[in-house]
Amino acid sequence: MDNSGEFQAEVSGCLDSLYGYALLLARSSQDAEDLLQDSLVRAFRGFDSFDRGLSFKAWMLRIVRNAHIDRQRRRKARPVEEPPWDDADSPAGASSDSPLYSIPLAPEDILLRRETVERVREGIRRLPPPMREVVELREIEGLSYLEIAAIVDRPVGTVMSRLYRGRNLLRTYLVEPMRQDGPARVRHEL
């Protein structure tokens, strides 16, 4: 049975979200594109086993996360704590230049959206990785606690706790002026 048309339709409805999540995990636009492509291949191969009663977006985000974990294991890389990009290659800039990123037509909307998104994205990048992930999935992707718990493979209570602490920390980042010398180093225990 050929499900390629159905798969394409499902993917096109959440491609921006998938790319954004891949970018959050991979931390560079090139790695995010590779991760997304790998995830789409995996998902297409397993699409026959997808339960149509579940959220396709949550299913895909879980595949992206698992593909990222597999890539990290294969690379045996150090955990990424600092952004590997400079200001010219920031994720906000890279995602807006990507063909996977939709742009509103009105110039005023573009400017307002870019300023707001860049400010929030910078705040999210400053969060510790476990908080960063759940804040992105809830606030940017709009997923439920149960969907996030399934994606990150943690209990719902842990997701809620990380989200609460992440939101509070993000709020302080957005309220305090950004320092010229970079983000303040704050110790976070999970």
Protein backbone atom coordinates (compact mmCIF):
# COMPACT_ATOMS: atom_id res chain seq x y z
CA MET A 1 0.00 0.00 0.00
CA ASP A 2 1.46 3.36 -1.07
CA ASN A 3 1.06 5.95 1.68
CA SER A 4 3.51 8.47 0.21
CA GLY A 5 0.80 11.06 -0.55
CA GLU A 6 -0.64 10.83 2.95
CA PHE A 7 2.85 11.01 4.46
CA GLN A 8 3.71 14.08 2.38
CA ALA A 9 0.50 15.82 3.42
CA GLU A 10 1.13 15.12 7.09
CA VAL A 11 4.74 16.29 6.89
CA SER A 12 3.89 19.49 5.03
CA GLY A 13 1.54 20.45 7.87
CA CYS A 14 4.30 20.38 10.49
CA LEU A 15 7.56 20.85 8.59
CA ASP A 16 8.36 24.21 10.19
CA SER A 17 7.91 22.71 13.65
CA LEU A 18 10.05 19.70 12.81
CA TYR A 19 12.83 21.91 11.48
CA GLY A 20 12.63 24.20 14.52
CA TYR A 21 12.89 21.25 16.89
CA ALA A 22 15.78 19.74 14.90
CA LEU A 23 17.51 23.12 15.09
CA LEU A 24 16.96 23.26 18.84
CA LEU A 25 18.56 19.83 19.25
CA ALA A 26 21.32 20.05 16.66
CA ARG A 27 22.27 23.68 17.37
CA SER A 28 23.36 24.48 13.78
CA SER A 29 21.33 24.86 10.62
CA GLN A 30 23.39 22.34 8.64
CA ASP A 31 23.16 19.67 11.35
CA ALA A 32 19.45 20.41 11.79
CA GLU A 33 18.78 19.89 8.09
CA ASP A 34 20.71 16.60 8.17
CA LEU A 35 18.87 15.50 11.30
CA LEU A 36 15.51 16.41 9.77
CA GLN A 37 16.26 14.52 6.58
CA ASP A 38 17.37 11.45 8.54
CA SER A 39 14.20 11.66 10.65
CA LEU A 40 11.95 11.98 7.62
CA VAL A 41 13.52 8.89 6.05
CA ARG A 42 13.02 6.94 9.29
CA ALA A 43 9.43 8.13 9.58
CA PHE A 44 8.60 7.28 5.98
CA ARG A 45 9.95 3.77 6.44
CA GLY A 46 7.87 3.31 9.59
CA PHE A 47 4.77 5.18 8.43
CA ASP A 48 2.79 1.95 7.99
CA SER A 49 3.08 1.36 11.74
CA PHE A 50 1.91 4.89 12.66
CA ASP A 51 -1.35 4.83 14.65
CA ARG A 52 -3.64 7.29 12.82
CA GLY A 53 -5.46 7.98 16.09
CA LEU A 54 -2.37 9.69 17.52
CA SER A 55 -0.82 13.07 16.76
CA PHE A 56 1.43 12.86 13.71
CA LYS A 57 3.39 15.90 14.86
CA ALA A 58 4.17 14.35 18.26
CA TRP A 59 5.12 11.07 16.57
CA MET A 60 7.51 12.91 14.24
CA LEU A 61 9.03 14.99 17.03
CA ARG A 62 9.76 11.78 18.92
CA ILE A 63 11.48 10.37 15.82
CA VAL A 64 13.55 13.57 15.48
CA ARG A 65 14.60 13.30 19.13
CA ASN A 66 15.51 9.63 18.83
CA ALA A 67 17.46 10.27 15.63
CA HIS A 68 19.35 13.03 17.42
CA ILE A 69 20.17 10.72 20.34
CA ASP A 70 21.37 8.04 17.91
CA ARG A 71 23.58 10.58 16.11
CA GLN A 72 25.06 11.75 19.40
CA ARG A 73 25.82 8.16 20.41
CA ARG A 74 27.46 7.45 17.06
CA ARG A 75 29.59 10.56 17.25
CA LYS A 76 30.38 9.99 20.92
CA ALA A 77 30.48 13.76 21.07
CA ARG A 78 30.69 15.89 24.14
CA PRO A 79 27.35 17.34 25.29
CA VAL A 80 26.76 20.71 23.67
CA GLU A 81 26.34 23.36 26.35
CA GLU A 82 27.43 26.45 24.44
CA PRO A 83 26.06 27.56 21.08
CA PRO A 84 28.54 26.59 18.34
CA TRP A 85 27.57 29.59 16.20
CA ASP A 86 28.49 33.21 16.18
CA ASP A 87 25.95 36.01 15.85
CA ALA A 88 26.03 35.87 12.05
CA ASP A 89 25.09 32.17 12.07
CA SER A 90 22.47 32.22 14.80
CA PRO A 91 19.52 29.81 14.61
CA ALA A 92 17.04 32.69 14.34
CA GLY A 93 18.85 34.00 11.28
CA ALA A 94 19.40 30.57 9.82
CA SER A 95 15.81 29.49 10.25
CA SER A 96 14.44 32.64 8.60
CA ASP A 97 16.72 32.05 5.57
CA SER A 98 15.71 28.41 5.30
CA PRO A 99 13.16 27.40 2.67
CA LEU A 100 11.47 25.42 5.45
CA TYR A 101 10.55 28.65 7.25
CA SER A 102 7.39 30.53 6.31
CA ILE A 103 7.45 34.34 6.29
CA PRO A 104 4.44 36.65 6.58
CA LEU A 105 3.95 39.05 3.67
CA ALA A 106 3.55 42.43 5.42
CA PRO A 107 6.92 44.14 6.15
CA GLU A 108 5.70 45.36 9.55
CA ASP A 109 4.70 41.83 10.49
CA ILE A 110 8.08 40.51 9.37
CA LEU A 111 9.97 43.04 11.50
CA LEU A 112 7.80 42.56 14.59
CA ARG A 113 7.89 38.78 14.30
CA ARG A 114 11.67 38.68 13.81
CA GLU A 115 12.33 40.93 16.80
CA THR A 116 10.01 38.98 19.06
CA VAL A 117 11.11 35.56 17.87
CA GLU A 118 14.81 36.44 18.10
CA ARG A 119 14.39 37.73 21.64
CA VAL A 120 12.44 34.66 22.80
CA ARG A 121 14.76 32.26 20.95
CA GLU A 122 17.78 33.90 22.60
CA GLY A 123 16.12 33.44 25.99
CA ILE A 124 15.32 29.80 25.22
CA ARG A 125 18.92 29.17 24.06
CA ARG A 126 20.13 30.34 27.45
CA LEU A 127 18.06 27.71 29.30
CA PRO A 128 19.70 24.47 30.47
CA PRO A 129 19.12 21.71 27.87
CA PRO A 130 16.35 19.73 29.66
CA MET A 131 14.36 22.92 30.33
CA ARG A 132 15.11 24.27 26.85
CA GLU A 133 13.60 21.20 25.24
CA VAL A 134 10.31 21.15 27.17
CA VAL A 135 9.83 24.93 26.87
CA GLU A 136 10.34 24.71 23.10
CA LEU A 137 7.92 21.80 22.75
CA ARG A 138 5.22 23.41 24.88
CA GLU A 139 5.49 27.10 24.09
CA ILE A 140 6.70 27.05 20.50
CA GLU A 141 5.21 23.77 19.26
CA GLY A 142 2.08 23.84 21.45
CA LEU A 143 2.23 20.19 22.47
CA SER A 144 0.41 18.80 25.49
CA TYR A 145 2.19 17.61 28.62
CA LEU A 146 1.44 13.99 27.68
CA GLU A 147 2.87 14.43 24.19
CA ILE A 148 6.01 16.07 25.57
CA ALA A 149 6.40 13.31 28.17
CA ALA A 150 6.23 10.72 25.40
CA ILE A 151 8.77 12.60 23.27
CA VAL A 152 11.35 13.16 26.02
CA ASP A 153 10.61 9.83 27.70
CA ARG A 154 10.04 11.33 31.15
CA PRO A 155 7.03 11.30 33.50
CA VAL A 156 4.45 14.07 33.09
CA GLY A 157 5.37 15.45 36.53
CA THR A 158 8.98 15.88 35.44
CA VAL A 159 7.84 17.65 32.27
CA MET A 160 5.61 19.97 34.31
CA SER A 161 8.42 20.71 36.76
CA ARG A 162 10.95 21.46 34.02
CA LEU A 163 8.41 23.59 32.20
CA TYR A 164 7.57 25.58 35.34
CA ARG A 165 11.23 26.21 36.15
CA GLY A 166 12.09 26.86 32.50
CA ARG A 167 9.30 29.42 32.12
CA ASN A 168 10.38 31.23 35.27
CA LEU A 169 14.01 31.29 34.16
CA LEU A 170 13.01 32.39 30.66
CA ARG A 171 10.94 35.19 32.18
CA THR A 172 14.00 36.47 34.06
CA TYR A 173 16.08 36.29 30.87
CA LEU A 174 13.48 38.28 28.93
CA VAL A 175 13.06 40.88 31.66
CA GLU A 176 16.72 41.44 32.48
CA PRO A 177 18.72 43.29 29.84
CA MET A 178 21.03 41.08 27.79
CA ARG A 179 24.63 41.53 28.88
CA GLN A 180 27.23 42.43 26.29
CA ASP A 181 29.61 39.78 27.59
CA GLY A 182 27.13 36.93 27.06
CA PRO A 183 24.62 35.06 29.19
CA ALA A 184 25.10 34.92 32.92
CA ARG A 185 26.28 31.57 34.18
CA VAL A 186 23.67 30.18 36.52
CA ARG A 187 23.89 26.76 38.09
CA HIS A 188 20.75 24.69 37.57
CA GLU A 189 20.14 21.34 39.15
CA LEU A 190 17.54 19.03 37.72
